[in-house]
């Protein structure tokens, strides 16, 4: 691979030193890091002695793919992992040595590790009744599962930042300067966090926050555990250091002096995961422990025109100094609708230009991404329907969604309820019709509703032959009736006690993925169902370990239908690299760290581009290591946080664009309200920096 001189300093010339590498996104930092691993392996470093740390598993995909394809000896054996995975490995290895000090009630029993989905269920099981009994969170209007995730997030922050979980409420209240009602809500959040932690310790449940707590307090101080990592991994590389947490930075501070070599990769002006505990300032402090600092400043992704646009946007947002670049025309990298008054017109304009790029200009669909501050179901469905009409392949990714938000999942849940025959689980007629529409190819909603009206009785489905009206049979068609009978026949043979993960897997494989059914040859649907199977299997195993439970299936169905937020499954990120236009929230796309030729920014007028997500039970800035104790969170702080978020997202998107940005602007937003958000205002102010020299203000 051709490398620039500064990249060669990192990849080939300093393999026995500790290097701090920084630069903007798109300057080739990860490329240099991957080449460094290859050179280490060619120089004789055992692959089992090389470790690549990333803030989340998805960030490690480019490393894994590149090393797997490389000819470097043992490239596929290099471990690419996260802090959480390392902590779990250490805990499982050294549990007998530290179990008695963790506070777990049964130190002789093995620990259990619930993910996000199971943590929400356990929160409801252990804390839900107390919330109802004490009337906690009165006035908070978010869903119960969103409430649970914010309580879990508070515990995660305390562990990752390094303060006792008993201080969560006090820290939040100390920064609050509004009504006393919000202070009571923080007290409620503290009480629930303490109850949940106590319940986890009682049942040997090691959620992520407790795992990191144990890592900091028991495992890392233990010479055997710390020495195990230091002796095993002699060459450490850390990508996106600024997106990781103070706990990892603390560990690296102890670890780096013992390494044979190290590479710390720092993305300048990033910090996209601050709401998850990322700490760019703490990350930069590790530069002092390195032998060499290298800065990459030559762009590898942006064209000249996009670079000029990036400069103009950075200048507008207060992130750039110096003269306007001599080369490149920022205006040439922008496209916007001549006039879009209503939101559907903006969507039509977007799909029209995507179809033109794909069908007339020969652009590969995977080189196009459509982003918005949020990607609600209505927007995603409108885009998908219009792209389908024009024959444009597409895929979507929304990590923070609930499991039930996917139509495939809703259909499988409905059929599972039909197969259970349990009191109170029978689906309503509308859900049955919707499930039939999803499950049977060419089944439209009208005929599905006719089938449900005619054949859904007492919580079960009757055979197609039970329709005695010949005209109704002909309207539905015998072909669809035959597929319907195959589906019903399969459901009739399912024993009610069959575990749900086996039911979902078998029903998908033997019915819904077969020719003539709705999920035939749909890769994205297969990944969604695989996530559901994994979720149901983990739920069954955990509840079985917690004790005899005769209602595992029913409890799982209720949990998912109540809106439990899904775990982040790696296969979703892997699917993002497949063929098709990507539809995703802006933050999700940015974390995939993959440049494309064309970007479409929708809902440009939305206030969501520069607004901190409302979280009534938590606050990522206050629960950080750098927040001064007792200082109040003021309007100026909120404004500064919004400006920082806008700059990080807008400039981050541009650094990952090669050719052109299309701005989806409508005078009225999705709700029919006029929108004048901060990104739209910034684009208007940016115009003066896009003027040719001599014509500007």
Foldseek 3Di string as FASTA:
>chain_A
DDDDPLLCVQQPVPLQFAEEEEEAFQLCLVVSVLSNLLNCLVVPDPLQQEEEEEADPLLCVVSQVVQVPDPRVCSNVRYYYYPLVLLVVLCQVCLLPCLVVLLAPCSPDAAAEDEQLVQLVLLCVQPVVVCVVVVAPPPDDDFSQLQSVLLVLLLQLCLQQPHDLLCSLVLVVLQADDDCVLSSNLVSSSVSNVRSVNVCSHQNYCYSSSSSNCCVPPQCVDCVNVVVSLVRHQEYEYAQLQQHAPSVLVSCVVRVVSHSYYYYYHHPLANLNLVSHGHNVSSVVCNVVTPYYGYRYDGNFADQALVLLLQLLCVLLVNDDDARDPDHFVVQQEAEDPAFADQLVLLVVVLVVLLCCVPPVVFFQLLEAEAEQACDPVNVVSNVVSNVVSVFFADEDEQFFFLCVDLLSLLLLQLLLLLQLDPPSQDDLQSQLSSLCQWFPPQDSVLSSVLSVQAPDPSAGDQPVSPPDPVNCVVSDVLSSVLVNVLRVVSVPDHNQPQSLVVLVCCCVPRRCDPRTNNPPPVNSVVSSVQVSVVSVSQVVVVVSSHDDSCSVVSVSVSSVSGNTGHDDSVSSVCSSDGHHYYYYLSVVLSSSAAHAEYEYAPLLDQSLQADPDDSNHDSVSSHNPHDRSHYCDPVNRNVSSSSSNSNRVSSNSSRHYGHYYYSDHQADPVRHGGHHPSNVSVVVSVQSSDPPPPHD
